[in-house]
Amino acid sequence: MSDKMRWRYGDTNPVVAAVDEDTVIEIGDLMLQDTDDAKPFSFAELTTFVPRFLGVAMRRSLAGATAPIRVATTGVFEFDCPSGTFELGDLIGPESNQSVKKVYDKENAIGRVAKRVSTAGTSVLVDVRSTVMTGGV
């Protein structure tokens, strides 16, 4: 996966998060708060990710870097997803570092669909809500 600016519109309410020097983060990664550092989704299972969901990485961090990164805690982002249709307000959860899927309960959700997808598509606009910073969806 490579850096991909996924932000489309809306206030991002960014925070500045610390990162470990051995953590590689790409722009657009879904991030969790792990004690005192931000880490991408690949570091967690779904059941442990959503309660610690911090937001979407707006800056990269290469291996060996220790500079804090900016993480958007809200806003509308475009994510890749399995082919499907989506209605406004459908719950969306993480599938990988930079992709999402439809979920059916708030415990697995990081946001809601912000634009209807009436014919099967492979991307969706998601109104993201950080669990850590805003209490989630």
N, C-alpha and C. Protein backbone atom coordinates (compact mmCIF):
# COMPACT_ATOMS: atom_id res chain seq x y z
N MET A 1 0.86 -1.18 0.00
CA MET A 1 0.00 0.00 0.00
C MET A 1 0.90 1.23 0.00
N SER A 2 0.42 2.28 -0.59
CA SER A 2 1.21 3.51 -0.61
C SER A 2 0.38 4.66 -0.05
N ASP A 3 1.07 5.75 0.25
CA ASP A 3 0.38 6.92 0.77
C ASP A 3 -0.78 7.31 -0.14
N LYS A 4 -1.92 7.60 0.47
CA LYS A 4 -3.06 8.06 -0.31
C LYS A 4 -3.87 9.02 0.56
N MET A 5 -3.92 10.29 0.13
CA MET A 5 -4.71 11.26 0.87
C MET A 5 -6.18 10.95 0.64
N ARG A 6 -6.86 10.51 1.67
CA ARG A 6 -8.24 10.06 1.57
C ARG A 6 -9.25 11.13 1.98
N TRP A 7 -8.80 12.20 2.60
CA TRP A 7 -9.70 13.26 3.07
C TRP A 7 -10.39 13.92 1.89
N ARG A 8 -11.71 14.10 1.99
CA ARG A 8 -12.47 14.74 0.92
C ARG A 8 -13.09 16.06 1.37
N TYR A 9 -13.66 16.13 2.58
CA TYR A 9 -14.21 17.39 3.07
C TYR A 9 -14.55 17.28 4.55
N GLY A 10 -14.84 18.42 5.15
CA GLY A 10 -15.23 18.47 6.56
C GLY A 10 -14.05 18.75 7.48
N ASP A 11 -14.39 19.19 8.68
CA ASP A 11 -13.38 19.47 9.70
C ASP A 11 -12.69 18.18 10.10
N THR A 12 -11.36 18.22 10.16
CA THR A 12 -10.60 17.03 10.52
C THR A 12 -10.27 16.97 12.01
N ASN A 13 -10.39 18.08 12.73
CA ASN A 13 -10.09 18.12 14.16
C ASN A 13 -8.86 17.29 14.49
N PRO A 14 -7.71 17.66 13.90
CA PRO A 14 -6.51 16.83 14.05
C PRO A 14 -5.90 16.87 15.45
N VAL A 15 -5.23 15.79 15.77
CA VAL A 15 -4.40 15.72 16.97
C VAL A 15 -2.99 15.37 16.51
N VAL A 16 -2.02 15.64 17.35
CA VAL A 16 -0.64 15.28 17.06
C VAL A 16 -0.30 14.10 17.96
N ALA A 17 0.03 12.97 17.34
CA ALA A 17 0.23 11.72 18.07
C ALA A 17 1.67 11.25 17.97
N ALA A 18 2.18 10.72 19.08
CA ALA A 18 3.52 10.15 19.11
C ALA A 18 3.53 8.81 18.37
N VAL A 19 4.69 8.45 17.82
CA VAL A 19 4.86 7.15 17.16
C VAL A 19 6.17 6.52 17.62
N ASP A 20 6.19 5.20 17.67
CA ASP A 20 7.43 4.47 17.96
C ASP A 20 8.32 4.49 16.73
N GLU A 21 9.62 4.43 16.93
CA GLU A 21 10.55 4.49 15.80
C GLU A 21 10.46 3.28 14.87
N ASP A 22 9.93 2.16 15.35
CA ASP A 22 9.84 0.97 14.50
C ASP A 22 8.49 0.84 13.79
N THR A 23 7.61 1.83 13.96
CA THR A 23 6.29 1.79 13.34
C THR A 23 6.29 2.55 12.02
N VAL A 24 5.85 1.88 10.96
CA VAL A 24 5.73 2.51 9.65
C VAL A 24 4.27 2.90 9.44
N ILE A 25 4.05 4.17 9.13
CA ILE A 25 2.70 4.70 8.94
C ILE A 25 2.66 5.40 7.60
N GLU A 26 1.59 5.15 6.84
CA GLU A 26 1.40 5.80 5.55
C GLU A 26 0.21 6.75 5.64
N ILE A 27 0.22 7.79 4.83
CA ILE A 27 -0.91 8.71 4.78
C ILE A 27 -2.14 7.91 4.41
N GLY A 28 -3.23 8.10 5.14
CA GLY A 28 -4.48 7.39 4.88
C GLY A 28 -4.68 6.17 5.74
N ASP A 29 -3.67 5.77 6.54
CA ASP A 29 -3.83 4.62 7.42
C ASP A 29 -4.85 4.90 8.52
N LEU A 30 -5.65 3.90 8.84
CA LEU A 30 -6.54 3.95 9.99
C LEU A 30 -5.68 3.70 11.22
N MET A 31 -5.78 4.60 12.22
CA MET A 31 -4.86 4.58 13.35
C MET A 31 -5.58 4.27 14.67
N LEU A 32 -4.84 3.59 15.56
CA LEU A 32 -5.32 3.34 16.92
C LEU A 32 -4.36 3.98 17.91
N GLN A 33 -4.86 4.24 19.11
CA GLN A 33 -4.02 4.74 20.20
C GLN A 33 -3.62 3.54 21.04
N ASP A 34 -2.32 3.25 21.08
CA ASP A 34 -1.80 2.12 21.84
C ASP A 34 -0.98 2.67 23.00
N THR A 35 -1.58 2.76 24.16
CA THR A 35 -0.99 3.37 25.36
C THR A 35 -0.61 4.82 25.06
N ASP A 36 0.64 5.07 24.63
CA ASP A 36 1.06 6.45 24.38
C ASP A 36 1.51 6.70 22.95
N ASP A 37 1.26 5.75 22.04
CA ASP A 37 1.68 5.88 20.65
C ASP A 37 0.55 5.53 19.69
N ALA A 38 0.61 6.14 18.50
CA ALA A 38 -0.34 5.82 17.44
C ALA A 38 0.23 4.69 16.60
N LYS A 39 -0.63 3.74 16.22
CA LYS A 39 -0.22 2.62 15.37
C LYS A 39 -1.31 2.35 14.33
N PRO A 40 -0.94 1.81 13.16
CA PRO A 40 -1.94 1.50 12.14
C PRO A 40 -2.75 0.25 12.49
N PHE A 41 -3.89 0.10 11.82
CA PHE A 41 -4.83 -1.00 12.06
C PHE A 41 -4.17 -2.37 12.09
N SER A 42 -3.12 -2.59 11.32
CA SER A 42 -2.49 -3.90 11.25
C SER A 42 -1.98 -4.39 12.60
N PHE A 43 -1.90 -3.50 13.57
CA PHE A 43 -1.41 -3.87 14.89
C PHE A 43 -2.52 -4.38 15.80
N ALA A 44 -3.76 -4.47 15.33
CA ALA A 44 -4.86 -4.83 16.22
C ALA A 44 -5.90 -5.70 15.53
N GLU A 45 -6.60 -6.45 16.32
CA GLU A 45 -7.78 -7.18 15.88
C GLU A 45 -8.95 -6.20 15.88
N LEU A 46 -9.99 -6.50 15.11
CA LEU A 46 -11.15 -5.62 15.03
C LEU A 46 -11.74 -5.34 16.41
N THR A 47 -11.87 -6.35 17.25
CA THR A 47 -12.51 -6.16 18.56
C THR A 47 -11.71 -5.24 19.48
N THR A 48 -10.39 -5.17 19.27
CA THR A 48 -9.58 -4.27 20.10
C THR A 48 -9.28 -2.96 19.39
N PHE A 49 -9.53 -2.88 18.08
CA PHE A 49 -9.22 -1.67 17.32
C PHE A 49 -10.24 -0.57 17.57
N VAL A 50 -11.51 -0.85 17.40
CA VAL A 50 -12.53 0.20 17.44
C VAL A 50 -12.53 0.97 18.77
N PRO A 51 -12.44 0.33 19.93
CA PRO A 51 -12.40 1.11 21.17
C PRO A 51 -11.18 2.03 21.28
N ARG A 52 -10.13 1.75 20.50
CA ARG A 52 -8.91 2.57 20.54
C ARG A 52 -8.70 3.35 19.23
N PHE A 53 -9.76 3.44 18.39
CA PHE A 53 -9.65 4.12 17.11
C PHE A 53 -9.35 5.61 17.31
N LEU A 54 -8.20 6.05 16.80
CA LEU A 54 -7.78 7.44 16.94
C LEU A 54 -8.19 8.29 15.75
N GLY A 55 -8.08 7.76 14.53
CA GLY A 55 -8.44 8.53 13.35
C GLY A 55 -7.68 8.07 12.13
N VAL A 56 -7.47 9.00 11.19
CA VAL A 56 -6.83 8.71 9.91
C VAL A 56 -5.52 9.49 9.82
N ALA A 57 -4.43 8.79 9.50
CA ALA A 57 -3.12 9.43 9.39
C ALA A 57 -3.11 10.46 8.27
N MET A 58 -2.66 11.66 8.60
CA MET A 58 -2.53 12.73 7.61
C MET A 58 -1.07 12.98 7.25
N ARG A 59 -0.19 12.21 7.88
CA ARG A 59 1.25 12.32 7.63
C ARG A 59 1.87 10.95 7.76
N ARG A 60 2.92 10.68 7.03
CA ARG A 60 3.60 9.39 7.09
C ARG A 60 4.67 9.41 8.19
N SER A 61 5.08 8.21 8.56
CA SER A 61 6.20 8.03 9.48
C SER A 61 6.99 6.83 8.98
N LEU A 62 8.21 7.05 8.59
CA LEU A 62 9.07 5.99 8.07
C LEU A 62 9.73 5.23 9.22
N ALA A 63 10.20 4.03 8.94
CA ALA A 63 10.91 3.25 9.95
C ALA A 63 12.09 4.06 10.46
N GLY A 64 12.25 4.12 11.76
CA GLY A 64 13.33 4.87 12.37
C GLY A 64 12.96 6.28 12.75
N ALA A 65 11.83 6.79 12.24
CA ALA A 65 11.40 8.17 12.56
C ALA A 65 10.68 8.19 13.90
N THR A 66 10.87 9.26 14.63
CA THR A 66 10.20 9.40 15.93
C THR A 66 9.37 10.68 16.02
N ALA A 67 9.34 11.47 14.94
CA ALA A 67 8.56 12.70 14.95
C ALA A 67 7.07 12.39 15.05
N PRO A 68 6.33 13.13 15.87
CA PRO A 68 4.89 12.92 15.96
C PRO A 68 4.21 13.14 14.60
N ILE A 69 3.04 12.55 14.41
CA ILE A 69 2.29 12.73 13.17
C ILE A 69 0.93 13.35 13.46
N ARG A 70 0.36 13.96 12.45
CA ARG A 70 -0.99 14.54 12.55
C ARG A 70 -2.00 13.46 12.17
N VAL A 71 -3.03 13.32 13.00
CA VAL A 71 -4.08 12.33 12.78
C VAL A 71 -5.43 13.04 12.81
N ALA A 72 -6.22 12.89 11.74
CA ALA A 72 -7.57 13.47 11.68
C ALA A 72 -8.51 12.62 12.52
N THR A 73 -9.25 13.26 13.41
CA THR A 73 -10.18 12.53 14.28
C THR A 73 -11.62 12.58 13.77
N THR A 74 -11.90 13.45 12.81
CA THR A 74 -13.21 13.54 12.18
C THR A 74 -13.01 13.92 10.72
N GLY A 75 -14.10 13.99 9.97
CA GLY A 75 -14.05 14.39 8.57
C GLY A 75 -14.58 13.29 7.68
N VAL A 76 -14.76 13.62 6.42
CA VAL A 76 -15.24 12.65 5.44
C VAL A 76 -14.06 12.21 4.58
N PHE A 77 -13.85 10.89 4.52
CA PHE A 77 -12.73 10.28 3.83
C PHE A 77 -13.25 9.26 2.83
N GLU A 78 -12.55 9.10 1.72
CA GLU A 78 -12.92 8.08 0.73
C GLU A 78 -12.03 6.87 0.92
N PHE A 79 -12.66 5.72 1.17
CA PHE A 79 -11.93 4.48 1.39
C PHE A 79 -12.30 3.43 0.36
N ASP A 80 -11.35 2.57 0.04
CA ASP A 80 -11.63 1.39 -0.77
C ASP A 80 -12.46 0.44 0.08
N CYS A 81 -13.27 -0.38 -0.58
CA CYS A 81 -14.13 -1.33 0.13
C CYS A 81 -14.49 -2.49 -0.80
N PRO A 82 -14.98 -3.60 -0.23
CA PRO A 82 -15.48 -4.68 -1.09
C PRO A 82 -16.66 -4.14 -1.90
N SER A 83 -16.82 -4.63 -3.11
CA SER A 83 -17.90 -4.18 -3.98
C SER A 83 -19.25 -4.33 -3.29
N GLY A 84 -20.03 -3.25 -3.31
CA GLY A 84 -21.35 -3.30 -2.68
C GLY A 84 -22.07 -1.98 -2.81
N THR A 85 -23.28 -1.94 -2.30
CA THR A 85 -24.07 -0.72 -2.25
C THR A 85 -24.12 -0.24 -0.81
N PHE A 86 -24.29 1.07 -0.64
CA PHE A 86 -24.30 1.67 0.70
C PHE A 86 -25.37 2.74 0.77
N GLU A 87 -26.06 2.80 1.88
CA GLU A 87 -27.05 3.84 2.13
C GLU A 87 -26.49 4.84 3.13
N LEU A 88 -26.98 6.08 3.06
CA LEU A 88 -26.57 7.08 4.03
C LEU A 88 -26.75 6.55 5.45
N GLY A 89 -25.74 6.73 6.27
CA GLY A 89 -25.82 6.31 7.66
C GLY A 89 -25.43 4.88 7.94
N ASP A 90 -25.20 4.06 6.89
CA ASP A 90 -24.73 2.69 7.15
C ASP A 90 -23.46 2.74 7.99
N LEU A 91 -23.33 1.80 8.89
CA LEU A 91 -22.14 1.72 9.74
C LEU A 91 -20.98 1.13 8.95
N ILE A 92 -19.80 1.69 9.16
CA ILE A 92 -18.59 1.27 8.45
C ILE A 92 -17.50 0.96 9.46
N GLY A 93 -16.80 -0.16 9.23
CA GLY A 93 -15.69 -0.56 10.09
C GLY A 93 -14.45 -0.82 9.27
N PRO A 94 -13.31 -0.98 9.93
CA PRO A 94 -12.05 -1.21 9.22
C PRO A 94 -11.97 -2.62 8.64
N GLU A 95 -11.32 -2.73 7.49
CA GLU A 95 -11.03 -4.04 6.92
C GLU A 95 -9.52 -4.27 6.88
N SER A 96 -8.77 -3.20 6.58
CA SER A 96 -7.30 -3.24 6.59
C SER A 96 -6.82 -1.84 6.93
N ASN A 97 -5.52 -1.60 6.79
CA ASN A 97 -4.98 -0.26 7.09
C ASN A 97 -5.69 0.85 6.34
N GLN A 98 -6.05 0.59 5.07
CA GLN A 98 -6.61 1.65 4.25
C GLN A 98 -7.89 1.23 3.51
N SER A 99 -8.60 0.26 4.05
CA SER A 99 -9.89 -0.11 3.45
C SER A 99 -10.91 -0.39 4.55
N VAL A 100 -12.18 -0.29 4.16
CA VAL A 100 -13.27 -0.43 5.11
C VAL A 100 -14.31 -1.41 4.59
N LYS A 101 -15.27 -1.75 5.44
CA LYS A 101 -16.37 -2.64 5.06
C LYS A 101 -17.61 -2.25 5.85
N LYS A 102 -18.76 -2.68 5.35
CA LYS A 102 -20.02 -2.45 6.05
C LYS A 102 -20.05 -3.34 7.28
N VAL A 103 -20.47 -2.77 8.42
CA VAL A 103 -20.64 -3.54 9.65
C VAL A 103 -22.06 -3.29 10.15
N TYR A 104 -22.48 -4.10 11.12
CA TYR A 104 -23.88 -4.03 11.52
C TYR A 104 -24.10 -3.67 12.98
N ASP A 105 -23.04 -3.32 13.70
CA ASP A 105 -23.22 -2.84 15.07
C ASP A 105 -22.17 -1.78 15.38
N LYS A 106 -22.51 -0.87 16.26
CA LYS A 106 -21.64 0.26 16.59
C LYS A 106 -20.32 -0.17 17.20
N GLU A 107 -20.29 -1.32 17.85
CA GLU A 107 -19.05 -1.79 18.48
C GLU A 107 -17.95 -2.06 17.47
N ASN A 108 -18.32 -2.23 16.19
CA ASN A 108 -17.34 -2.50 15.13
C ASN A 108 -17.19 -1.34 14.15
N ALA A 109 -17.82 -0.19 14.45
CA ALA A 109 -17.87 0.93 13.51
C ALA A 109 -16.90 2.05 13.85
N ILE A 110 -16.34 2.65 12.80
CA ILE A 110 -15.49 3.83 12.95
C ILE A 110 -16.13 5.05 12.29
N GLY A 111 -17.26 4.86 11.61
CA GLY A 111 -17.94 5.95 10.94
C GLY A 111 -19.21 5.49 10.26
N ARG A 112 -19.79 6.43 9.52
CA ARG A 112 -21.04 6.16 8.79
C ARG A 112 -20.90 6.63 7.34
N VAL A 113 -21.64 6.00 6.45
CA VAL A 113 -21.64 6.37 5.04
C VAL A 113 -22.14 7.80 4.89
N ALA A 114 -21.38 8.62 4.14
CA ALA A 114 -21.71 10.02 3.94
C ALA A 114 -22.28 10.31 2.56
N LYS A 115 -22.24 9.33 1.65
CA LYS A 115 -22.82 9.49 0.32
C LYS A 115 -23.30 8.13 -0.15
N ARG A 116 -24.55 8.08 -0.55
CA ARG A 116 -25.16 6.83 -1.01
C ARG A 116 -24.41 6.27 -2.22
N VAL A 117 -24.24 4.95 -2.24
CA VAL A 117 -23.67 4.23 -3.38
C VAL A 117 -24.75 3.26 -3.84
N SER A 118 -25.48 3.64 -4.92
CA SER A 118 -26.67 2.87 -5.32
C SER A 118 -26.36 1.71 -6.27
N THR A 119 -25.26 1.80 -7.00
CA THR A 119 -24.82 0.67 -7.82
C THR A 119 -23.48 0.21 -7.26
N ALA A 120 -23.27 -1.09 -7.28
CA ALA A 120 -22.08 -1.65 -6.63
C ALA A 120 -20.82 -0.85 -6.97
N GLY A 121 -20.14 -0.40 -5.92
CA GLY A 121 -18.91 0.36 -6.09
C GLY A 121 -17.83 -0.19 -5.19
N THR A 122 -16.59 0.21 -5.45
CA THR A 122 -15.47 -0.27 -4.65
C THR A 122 -14.81 0.84 -3.84
N SER A 123 -15.53 1.95 -3.67
CA SER A 123 -15.09 2.98 -2.74
C SER A 123 -16.34 3.62 -2.12
N VAL A 124 -16.14 4.19 -0.94
CA VAL A 124 -17.25 4.77 -0.20
C VAL A 124 -16.76 5.97 0.60
N LEU A 125 -17.60 7.02 0.68
CA LEU A 125 -17.29 8.17 1.52
C LEU A 125 -17.77 7.88 2.93
N VAL A 126 -16.87 8.05 3.90
CA VAL A 126 -17.17 7.72 5.29
C VAL A 126 -16.96 8.94 6.17
N ASP A 127 -17.99 9.27 6.96
CA ASP A 127 -17.88 10.30 7.98
C ASP A 127 -17.26 9.64 9.21
N VAL A 128 -15.96 9.86 9.40
CA VAL A 128 -15.17 9.20 10.44
C VAL A 128 -15.35 9.89 11.79
N ARG A 129 -15.43 9.10 12.84
CA ARG A 129 -15.53 9.62 14.22
C ARG A 129 -14.59 8.82 15.12
N SER A 130 -13.54 9.48 15.60
CA SER A 130 -12.58 8.84 16.50
C SER A 130 -13.27 8.40 17.79
N THR A 131 -13.05 7.16 18.17
CA THR A 131 -13.58 6.68 19.45
C THR A 131 -12.83 7.34 20.60
N VAL A 132 -11.51 7.47 20.44
CA VAL A 132 -10.68 8.04 21.49
C VAL A 132 -11.03 9.52 21.73
N MET A 133 -11.21 10.30 20.68
CA MET A 133 -11.37 11.73 20.82
C MET A 133 -12.81 12.23 20.82
N THR A 134 -13.74 11.49 20.18
CA THR A 134 -15.11 11.98 20.10
C THR A 134 -16.14 11.01 20.67
N GLY A 135 -15.70 9.85 21.10
CA GLY A 135 -16.64 8.84 21.61
C GLY A 135 -17.18 7.92 20.53
N GLY A 136 -16.76 8.11 19.28
CA GLY A 136 -17.16 7.22 18.19
C GLY A 136 -18.49 7.57 17.59
N VAL A 137 -19.07 6.61 16.85
CA VAL A 137 -20.32 6.83 16.11
C VAL A 137 -21.53 6.78 17.03
